[in-house]
Amino acid sequence: MEVISSWNVRGLNWPNKQEELKIFLQQNKIGLIGLLETKVKLERVPHIAATLFPHWSWTHNFSPTTHGRIWVVWNPLIYQVHELQKASQYIHCHVTHQFTGKAFYITYVYGANQEGTRRDLWTALEAIALSMDDAWCVIGDFNAVFYPEDRQGGTMVQDFEVRPFQECITNCELQEARYRGPYFS
């Protein structure tokens, strides 16, 4: 199966960042990716998406939010993607691999920076978990730490800071998957 991925691009307006993304997609044989924190204005989305992903399909979360912090992009020759739900902090989809027919759910997350606002994300993920009857991947940037040692620099992480995220993962019956790339990025 082709690789699925998530990348907090921290801005996709610059040509050098766009070229870096194209290279990443090609080198890693990416067929489905969630792009987070794109910082692209709604009116530029069609142009940038057409330039970066010719013949690919995509969706974003500009509606229900004006920031459009999450894009889900896929190669329709490889994956069939049906958007099921979206909110300011996530896009939840049902995905079918075109060649094998294997299906799974995926939720791309870009958590709010404010802890109080992230509570809506934990509640939403727990509600989605109740309906899961197949494989489910929750991937992205939660803007929360799971373990105290996940924060580099700054003040020491307190128990109350990790507890909501840990409880959400437990309540959703999720487990941390292996990843590739630098630990703190």
Protein backbone atom coordinates (compact mmCIF):
# COMPACT_ATOMS: atom_id res chain seq x y z
CA MET A 1 0.00 0.00 0.00
CA GLU A 2 1.29 3.48 -0.76
CA VAL A 3 2.42 5.60 2.12
CA ILE A 4 0.10 7.87 4.07
CA SER A 5 1.61 10.87 5.77
CA SER A 6 1.05 14.07 7.67
CA TRP A 7 3.21 17.18 7.57
CA ASN A 8 2.99 20.44 9.47
CA VAL A 9 4.33 22.55 6.60
CA ARG A 10 4.16 25.85 8.54
CA GLY A 11 3.30 27.75 5.39
CA LEU A 12 2.89 26.65 1.79
CA ASN A 13 2.94 29.99 -0.02
CA TRP A 14 6.63 30.04 -0.93
CA PRO A 15 7.94 28.27 -4.08
CA ASN A 16 10.85 26.70 -2.19
CA LYS A 17 8.43 25.10 0.32
CA GLN A 18 6.25 23.88 -2.54
CA GLU A 19 9.28 22.31 -4.27
CA GLU A 20 10.30 20.66 -0.99
CA LEU A 21 6.80 19.17 -0.70
CA LYS A 22 6.86 17.85 -4.30
CA ILE A 23 10.20 16.15 -3.64
CA PHE A 24 8.92 14.68 -0.37
CA LEU A 25 5.82 13.23 -2.05
CA GLN A 26 7.83 11.67 -4.85
CA GLN A 27 10.72 10.30 -2.79
CA ASN A 28 8.44 8.72 -0.20
CA LYS A 29 5.78 7.41 -2.63
CA ILE A 30 3.04 9.29 -0.78
CA GLY A 31 -0.50 8.52 -1.93
CA LEU A 32 -2.41 10.33 0.84
CA ILE A 33 -1.24 13.24 2.98
CA GLY A 34 -2.59 15.71 5.48
CA LEU A 35 -0.99 19.14 5.25
CA LEU A 36 -1.24 21.18 8.42
CA GLU A 37 -0.77 24.88 9.09
CA THR A 38 -0.64 25.70 5.36
CA LYS A 39 -1.22 29.45 5.95
CA VAL A 40 -2.70 29.72 2.44
CA LYS A 41 -5.63 32.07 1.95
CA LEU A 42 -8.80 30.51 0.52
CA GLU A 43 -8.55 32.35 -2.80
CA ARG A 44 -5.04 30.91 -3.43
CA VAL A 45 -5.95 27.30 -2.60
CA PRO A 46 -7.08 26.24 -6.13
CA HIS A 47 -3.94 27.64 -7.77
CA ILE A 48 -1.50 26.14 -5.25
CA ALA A 49 -3.30 22.79 -5.13
CA ALA A 50 -3.40 22.54 -8.95
CA THR A 51 0.30 23.40 -9.15
CA LEU A 52 1.41 20.98 -6.43
CA PHE A 53 -1.04 18.14 -7.02
CA PRO A 54 -1.99 17.91 -10.70
CA HIS A 55 -4.54 15.13 -11.19
CA TRP A 56 -4.87 14.64 -7.42
CA SER A 57 -7.94 15.33 -5.30
CA TRP A 58 -8.05 17.45 -2.17
CA THR A 59 -10.25 18.92 0.50
CA HIS A 60 -9.66 21.42 3.27
CA ASN A 61 -11.38 22.79 6.34
CA PHE A 62 -11.93 26.43 5.32
CA SER A 63 -15.54 25.67 6.04
CA PRO A 64 -16.30 25.54 9.07
CA THR A 65 -13.29 27.75 9.84
CA THR A 66 -11.86 30.72 7.96
CA HIS A 67 -8.28 29.62 8.62
CA GLY A 68 -8.26 26.37 6.58
CA ARG A 69 -5.53 24.88 8.73
CA ILE A 70 -5.86 21.35 7.33
CA TRP A 71 -5.71 20.03 3.75
CA VAL A 72 -6.21 16.36 2.88
CA VAL A 73 -4.69 15.49 -0.49
CA TRP A 74 -4.74 12.11 -2.27
CA ASN A 75 -3.93 10.42 -5.54
CA PRO A 76 -7.33 9.17 -6.81
CA LEU A 77 -5.63 6.41 -8.80
CA ILE A 78 -4.51 4.92 -5.48
CA TYR A 79 -7.06 5.99 -2.87
CA GLN A 80 -10.75 6.77 -2.81
CA VAL A 81 -11.45 9.25 -0.01
CA HIS A 82 -14.81 10.25 1.39
CA GLU A 83 -14.85 13.16 3.79
CA LEU A 84 -17.15 12.27 6.70
CA GLN A 85 -16.70 15.17 9.12
CA LYS A 86 -14.65 18.29 9.45
CA ALA A 87 -14.16 20.95 12.07
CA SER A 88 -11.59 23.59 12.87
CA GLN A 89 -9.20 21.00 14.39
CA TYR A 90 -9.73 17.90 12.25
CA ILE A 91 -10.92 16.28 9.02
CA HIS A 92 -12.28 12.74 9.37
CA CYS A 93 -12.42 10.51 6.26
CA HIS A 94 -13.16 6.99 5.07
CA VAL A 95 -10.46 5.73 2.72
CA THR A 96 -10.41 2.76 0.34
CA HIS A 97 -7.26 1.55 -1.40
CA GLN A 98 -8.17 1.26 -5.09
CA PHE A 99 -6.12 -1.90 -5.82
CA THR A 100 -6.76 -4.01 -2.73
CA GLY A 101 -10.19 -2.74 -1.70
CA LYS A 102 -8.94 -2.45 1.89
CA ALA A 103 -10.69 0.32 3.77
CA PHE A 104 -9.85 2.34 6.85
CA TYR A 105 -10.72 5.59 8.56
CA ILE A 106 -8.30 8.45 8.95
CA THR A 107 -8.59 11.62 10.97
CA TYR A 108 -6.10 14.38 10.26
CA VAL A 109 -5.62 16.64 13.28
CA TYR A 110 -4.20 20.09 13.81
CA GLY A 111 -4.91 20.84 17.45
CA ALA A 112 -5.51 24.34 18.72
CA ASN A 113 -2.67 26.08 20.50
CA GLN A 114 -4.85 26.87 23.52
CA GLU A 115 -5.44 23.98 25.92
CA GLY A 116 -9.03 25.02 26.54
CA THR A 117 -9.89 24.97 22.83
CA ARG A 118 -8.25 21.56 22.42
CA ARG A 119 -10.90 20.11 24.76
CA ASP A 120 -13.31 20.31 21.80
CA LEU A 121 -10.88 18.14 19.82
CA TRP A 122 -10.68 15.50 22.58
CA THR A 123 -14.48 15.42 22.81
CA ALA A 124 -14.86 15.11 19.03
CA LEU A 125 -12.30 12.29 18.77
CA GLU A 126 -14.02 10.38 21.57
CA ALA A 127 -17.36 10.76 19.76
CA ILE A 128 -15.83 9.54 16.48
CA ALA A 129 -14.28 6.57 18.28
CA LEU A 130 -17.73 5.35 19.28
CA SER A 131 -18.60 4.79 15.61
CA MET A 132 -15.36 3.11 14.55
CA ASP A 133 -15.89 -0.41 13.24
CA ASP A 134 -12.75 -0.70 11.11
CA ALA A 135 -9.10 0.35 11.23
CA TRP A 136 -8.69 3.98 12.29
CA CYS A 137 -5.62 6.20 12.07
CA VAL A 138 -5.51 9.55 13.86
CA ILE A 139 -2.53 11.51 12.63
CA GLY A 140 -1.24 15.06 12.72
CA ASP A 141 -0.06 17.78 15.07
CA PHE A 142 -2.05 17.68 18.30
CA ASN A 143 -0.19 20.66 19.81
CA ALA A 144 -0.13 18.64 23.01
CA VAL A 145 2.46 16.40 24.61
CA PHE A 146 1.72 12.80 25.51
CA TYR A 147 4.75 12.29 27.74
CA PRO A 148 6.49 14.98 29.84
CA GLU A 149 9.78 14.33 27.97
CA ASP A 150 8.06 15.19 24.66
CA ARG A 151 8.65 18.91 25.33
CA GLN A 152 12.09 20.28 24.62
CA GLY A 153 13.04 23.44 26.50
CA GLY A 154 10.71 25.71 28.40
CA THR A 155 9.08 24.88 31.68
CA MET A 156 8.78 21.32 32.92
CA VAL A 157 5.57 19.61 31.85
CA GLN A 158 3.06 19.11 34.64
CA ASP A 159 0.72 16.14 34.96
CA PHE A 160 -2.38 18.26 34.34
CA GLU A 161 -0.93 19.24 30.92
CA VAL A 162 -0.63 15.68 29.58
CA ARG A 163 -3.67 14.11 31.25
CA PRO A 164 -6.40 15.28 28.78
CA PHE A 165 -4.48 13.99 25.75
CA GLN A 166 -3.62 10.70 27.49
CA GLU A 167 -7.24 10.21 28.55
CA CYS A 168 -8.46 10.87 25.01
CA ILE A 169 -6.05 8.30 23.55
CA THR A 170 -7.13 5.75 26.17
CA ASN A 171 -10.86 6.47 25.73
CA CYS A 172 -10.53 6.17 21.93
CA GLU A 173 -8.59 2.89 22.32
CA LEU A 174 -5.78 4.29 20.18
CA GLN A 175 -2.11 3.47 20.40
CA GLU A 176 0.95 5.38 19.29
CA ALA A 177 2.35 4.18 15.96
CA ARG A 178 5.92 4.20 14.74
CA TYR A 179 6.99 7.25 12.81
CA ARG A 180 9.85 8.37 10.59
CA GLY A 181 11.71 11.61 10.94
CA PRO A 182 13.20 13.72 13.70
CA TYR A 183 11.63 13.21 17.11
CA PHE A 184 10.99 16.90 17.86
CA SER A 185 9.53 17.95 14.51
